Amino acid sequence: MKVIIAEDEKLAADRLIKMLHNVNPAIEVIAVFDAVKQLKCWLEQHAEQVELAFFDIQLADGTSFEAFENTQFNFPVVFTTAFNQYAIQAFKVNSIDYLLKPIEPEALQNALQKHKRIKTNEIDYQLLIKSLRPEFKDRFLVSVGQKLLPISAGQIAYFYIKDGVVLLVIHKGNKYPVNYNLDELEEMLDPGKFFRINRQLITAIESVQQVHHYFNGKLKLDLLPKPEGEILVSRLKAADFKKWLGY
């Protein structure tokens, strides 16, 4: 089977190639790309050779979705990314699976099995898309005295921990306790709209007003409404945070 890979991190590309060969030594990786422009130029001449593609979404000069603009390709794609906010968009452009990094060998093997079953018409493609489409919590009920108040995800500025209690803060500044910890909220919320800054805070993208470079590769954030104390993004999370913002 002839495979192409779009991945702007060489170590990640090399790891994927090794994993593919471990799963199926007969797989032939015929091309690897780190940029959209390079990928599009190659596909214009050689797309018919491709039997399966593995595309990271964020490439050096844009997103791999751009390769499909004004062009139709017949080969199926397995998208690989550190974020799951692109899942619905991915299934509009030939996607048969969506793997979150770091890719696990079992997940990769399952993706190859899906490709095999689709190719032999043993699996319903539309049902596959429906089953993989993520569902995120878009409404919370908070207590206000003896009443329950519905809060939509669009109203939320951030969640943070104070004195062991998780508080939901809306854009107007009102604060409400919620019965979830931050780990649970991180799983429930749309990662395209919310980001886990650190152990104490998850912010909505609309709340981020400014980003400042800080010591040792960290980032300092200005959020609205203004939280208590400084909000810092660690050096390890800084690159992912900037990608999340679209930097």
Protein backbone atom coordinates (compact mmCIF):
# COMPACT_ATOMS: atom_id res chain seq x y z
CA MET A 1 0.00 0.00 0.00
CA LYS A 2 1.37 3.41 -1.01
CA VAL A 3 1.15 6.07 1.68
CA ILE A 4 2.05 9.76 1.92
CA ILE A 5 2.60 11.77 5.10
CA ALA A 6 2.22 15.49 5.80
CA GLU A 7 3.97 16.36 9.05
CA ASP A 8 6.07 19.43 9.89
CA GLU A 9 7.96 17.80 12.78
CA LYS A 10 10.63 15.43 11.48
CA LEU A 11 10.74 13.34 14.65
CA ALA A 12 6.98 12.86 14.51
CA ALA A 13 7.17 11.87 10.82
CA ASP A 14 9.97 9.40 11.47
CA ARG A 15 8.06 7.89 14.39
CA LEU A 16 4.93 7.49 12.28
CA ILE A 17 6.86 5.80 9.47
CA LYS A 18 8.40 3.37 11.95
CA MET A 19 5.00 2.62 13.48
CA LEU A 20 3.44 2.03 10.05
CA HIS A 21 6.19 -0.44 9.13
CA ASN A 22 5.77 -2.21 12.46
CA VAL A 23 2.06 -2.66 11.80
CA ASN A 24 2.46 -3.58 8.14
CA PRO A 25 5.93 -3.96 6.59
CA ALA A 26 4.35 -3.88 3.12
CA ILE A 27 3.39 -0.21 3.51
CA GLU A 28 5.45 2.02 1.22
CA VAL A 29 5.80 5.66 2.26
CA ILE A 30 6.31 7.32 -1.11
CA ALA A 31 6.51 10.97 0.04
CA VAL A 32 6.72 13.10 3.18
CA PHE A 33 5.84 16.82 3.27
CA ASP A 34 6.19 19.52 5.90
CA ALA A 35 4.38 22.35 4.11
CA VAL A 36 1.02 22.84 2.35
CA LYS A 37 2.53 24.41 -0.77
CA GLN A 38 4.89 21.47 -1.24
CA LEU A 39 2.03 19.00 -0.67
CA LYS A 40 -0.31 20.68 -3.16
CA CYS A 41 2.31 20.84 -5.90
CA TRP A 42 3.11 17.16 -5.50
CA LEU A 43 -0.56 16.10 -5.45
CA GLU A 44 -1.27 17.94 -8.69
CA GLN A 45 1.05 15.48 -10.45
CA HIS A 46 0.93 12.30 -8.36
CA ALA A 47 -2.37 12.09 -6.44
CA GLU A 48 -3.45 8.98 -8.34
CA GLN A 49 -0.57 7.04 -6.77
CA VAL A 50 -1.82 7.55 -3.22
CA GLU A 51 -3.79 4.80 -1.51
CA LEU A 52 -3.83 6.34 1.96
CA ALA A 53 -2.58 9.62 3.48
CA PHE A 54 -1.64 10.65 7.01
CA PHE A 55 -1.95 14.43 7.40
CA ASP A 56 -1.02 16.48 10.42
CA ILE A 57 -3.39 19.45 10.40
CA GLN A 58 -0.99 22.24 11.39
CA LEU A 59 1.84 22.37 8.85
CA ALA A 60 4.69 24.82 8.47
CA ASP A 61 2.79 27.25 6.22
CA GLY A 62 -0.87 26.56 7.00
CA THR A 63 -3.27 23.67 7.50
CA SER A 64 -3.44 20.51 5.44
CA PHE A 65 -7.10 21.29 4.72
CA GLU A 66 -5.80 23.86 2.23
CA ALA A 67 -4.54 21.03 0.03
CA PHE A 68 -8.18 20.22 -0.77
CA GLU A 69 -9.18 23.75 -1.76
CA ASN A 70 -10.45 23.93 -5.36
CA THR A 71 -9.38 20.32 -5.87
CA GLN A 72 -10.89 16.89 -5.30
CA PHE A 73 -8.83 13.84 -4.40
CA ASN A 74 -10.05 10.26 -4.20
CA PHE A 75 -7.64 8.88 -1.63
CA PRO A 76 -8.73 8.53 2.05
CA VAL A 77 -6.99 10.50 4.80
CA VAL A 78 -6.16 9.80 8.43
CA PHE A 79 -5.67 13.14 10.17
CA THR A 80 -3.17 13.38 13.02
CA THR A 81 -3.07 16.31 15.43
CA ALA A 82 -2.61 17.40 19.02
CA PHE A 83 -6.06 19.01 19.00
CA ASN A 84 -9.52 17.60 18.40
CA GLN A 85 -11.33 20.81 17.46
CA TYR A 86 -10.87 20.07 13.75
CA ALA A 87 -12.66 16.71 13.75
CA ILE A 88 -15.88 17.83 12.04
CA GLN A 89 -13.95 19.76 9.39
CA ALA A 90 -11.72 16.74 8.82
CA PHE A 91 -14.64 14.50 7.94
CA LYS A 92 -15.63 16.85 5.13
CA VAL A 93 -12.39 16.13 3.26
CA ASN A 94 -11.90 12.39 2.78
CA SER A 95 -11.15 11.56 6.42
CA ILE A 96 -11.61 8.01 7.66
CA ASP A 97 -10.05 8.55 11.09
CA TYR A 98 -8.74 11.25 13.39
CA LEU A 99 -5.80 10.36 15.64
CA LEU A 100 -4.72 12.52 18.55
CA LYS A 101 -1.01 12.86 19.25
CA PRO A 102 0.93 11.17 20.63
CA ILE A 103 -0.37 8.41 18.37
CA GLU A 104 -0.76 5.05 20.04
CA PRO A 105 0.15 1.89 18.05
CA GLU A 106 -3.27 0.39 18.72
CA ALA A 107 -5.05 3.50 17.40
CA LEU A 108 -2.89 3.43 14.26
CA GLN A 109 -3.63 -0.25 13.71
CA ASN A 110 -7.36 0.42 14.11
CA ALA A 111 -7.16 3.21 11.51
CA LEU A 112 -5.50 0.86 9.02
CA GLN A 113 -8.17 -1.75 9.69
CA LYS A 114 -10.90 0.83 9.05
CA HIS A 115 -9.25 1.69 5.74
CA LYS A 116 -9.21 -1.97 4.80
CA ARG A 117 -12.88 -2.48 5.69
CA ILE A 118 -13.99 0.65 3.85
CA LYS A 119 -12.02 -0.42 0.80
CA THR A 120 -13.79 -3.79 0.81
CA ASN A 121 -17.18 -2.16 1.55
CA GLU A 122 -17.48 -3.85 4.94
CA ILE A 123 -18.12 -0.61 6.82
CA ASP A 124 -20.63 2.22 6.32
CA TYR A 125 -18.62 5.41 5.81
CA GLN A 126 -21.42 7.75 6.94
CA LEU A 127 -21.96 5.75 10.13
CA LEU A 128 -18.22 5.90 10.76
CA ILE A 129 -18.24 9.70 10.47
CA LYS A 130 -21.20 9.98 12.82
CA SER A 131 -19.60 7.71 15.42
CA LEU A 132 -16.33 9.68 15.47
CA ARG A 133 -17.84 13.16 15.58
CA PRO A 134 -17.06 14.63 19.03
CA GLU A 135 -19.79 15.94 21.31
CA PHE A 136 -18.94 18.64 23.81
CA LYS A 137 -20.83 20.06 26.76
CA ASP A 138 -22.35 23.39 25.75
CA ARG A 139 -24.47 24.20 28.80
CA PHE A 140 -24.03 24.17 32.57
CA LEU A 141 -26.59 24.52 35.36
CA VAL A 142 -25.31 26.58 38.27
CA SER A 143 -26.96 27.29 41.62
CA VAL A 144 -28.00 30.84 42.49
CA GLY A 145 -29.65 30.73 45.87
CA GLN A 146 -32.60 28.37 45.55
CA LYS A 147 -32.63 28.63 41.75
CA LEU A 148 -30.76 26.90 38.91
CA LEU A 149 -29.35 29.14 36.19
CA PRO A 150 -28.39 27.77 32.75
CA ILE A 151 -25.05 29.06 31.44
CA SER A 152 -24.10 28.43 27.81
CA ALA A 153 -20.50 27.69 26.84
CA GLY A 154 -20.42 30.96 24.90
CA GLN A 155 -21.02 32.92 28.11
CA ILE A 156 -18.04 31.37 29.90
CA ALA A 157 -14.77 33.30 30.23
CA TYR A 158 -12.85 30.70 32.23
CA PHE A 159 -12.92 28.13 35.02
CA TYR A 160 -10.49 28.30 37.92
CA ILE A 161 -9.86 26.78 41.33
CA LYS A 162 -10.07 28.84 44.51
CA ASP A 163 -9.79 27.28 47.97
CA GLY A 164 -10.43 23.85 46.50
CA VAL A 165 -13.63 24.92 44.69
CA VAL A 166 -13.95 25.13 40.90
CA LEU A 167 -15.59 28.38 39.83
CA LEU A 168 -17.17 29.19 36.49
CA VAL A 169 -16.66 32.84 35.51
CA ILE A 170 -18.80 34.43 32.81
CA HIS A 171 -17.74 37.36 30.61
CA LYS A 172 -19.73 39.76 32.77
CA GLY A 173 -17.60 38.76 35.77
CA ASN A 174 -20.16 36.71 37.73
CA LYS A 175 -18.74 33.59 39.43
CA TYR A 176 -20.54 30.33 40.13
CA PRO A 177 -19.29 27.08 41.72
CA VAL A 178 -19.58 23.93 39.58
CA ASN A 179 -19.54 20.27 40.57
CA TYR A 180 -16.72 19.24 38.27
CA ASN A 181 -12.95 19.25 38.64
CA LEU A 182 -10.72 20.75 35.94
CA ASP A 183 -9.70 17.34 34.59
CA GLU A 184 -13.37 16.47 34.00
CA LEU A 185 -14.06 19.87 32.44
CA GLU A 186 -11.08 19.52 30.11
CA GLU A 187 -12.67 16.36 28.69
CA MET A 188 -16.15 17.93 28.41
CA LEU A 189 -15.27 21.24 26.74
CA ASP A 190 -14.66 21.94 23.06
CA PRO A 191 -10.85 22.24 22.76
CA GLY A 192 -11.30 24.64 19.88
CA LYS A 193 -12.83 27.10 22.34
CA PHE A 194 -11.20 26.19 25.67
CA PHE A 195 -7.59 25.58 26.70
CA ARG A 196 -6.17 24.19 29.96
CA ILE A 197 -3.64 26.87 30.85
CA ASN A 198 -2.32 25.18 33.98
CA ARG A 199 -3.50 23.14 36.96
CA GLN A 200 -5.66 25.98 38.20
CA LEU A 201 -7.35 27.43 35.10
CA ILE A 202 -9.13 26.64 31.82
CA THR A 203 -9.78 29.67 29.62
CA ALA A 204 -12.14 30.36 26.75
CA ILE A 205 -10.51 31.75 23.63
CA GLU A 206 -12.64 34.93 23.72
CA SER A 207 -11.30 35.73 27.19
CA VAL A 208 -7.69 36.03 25.99
CA GLN A 209 -6.95 39.71 25.37
CA GLN A 210 -3.15 39.82 25.12
CA VAL A 211 -0.21 37.41 25.25
CA HIS A 212 3.19 38.49 26.59
CA HIS A 213 6.54 36.70 26.44
CA TYR A 214 7.72 35.81 29.93
CA PHE A 215 10.81 34.31 31.57
CA ASN A 216 12.17 30.90 30.49
CA GLY A 217 9.90 30.55 27.47
CA LYS A 218 6.69 31.02 29.43
CA LEU A 219 3.78 33.20 28.32
CA LYS A 220 1.86 35.68 30.43
CA LEU A 221 -1.82 36.23 29.61
CA ASP A 222 -4.21 39.12 30.02
CA LEU A 223 -7.68 37.66 30.47
CA LEU A 224 -11.02 39.43 30.62
CA PRO A 225 -12.51 39.65 33.17
CA LYS A 226 -9.23 40.08 35.00
CA PRO A 227 -8.48 37.09 37.25
CA GLU A 228 -6.69 37.12 40.58
CA GLY A 229 -2.91 37.00 40.18
CA GLU A 230 -0.76 36.36 37.09
CA ILE A 231 -1.84 33.78 34.52
CA LEU A 232 1.17 31.96 33.09
CA VAL A 233 1.46 29.32 30.39
CA SER A 234 4.41 26.98 30.94
CA ARG A 235 7.24 26.65 28.43
CA LEU A 236 6.06 23.11 27.61
CA LYS A 237 2.55 24.30 26.80
CA ALA A 238 3.50 27.57 25.11
CA ALA A 239 3.78 26.20 21.55
CA ASP A 240 0.45 24.35 21.76
CA PHE A 241 -1.22 27.42 23.23
CA LYS A 242 -0.01 29.64 20.37
CA LYS A 243 -1.24 27.10 17.83
CA TRP A 244 -4.60 27.03 19.61
CA LEU A 245 -4.84 30.82 19.27
CA GLY A 246 -3.92 30.59 15.59
CA TYR A 247 -0.43 32.10 15.90
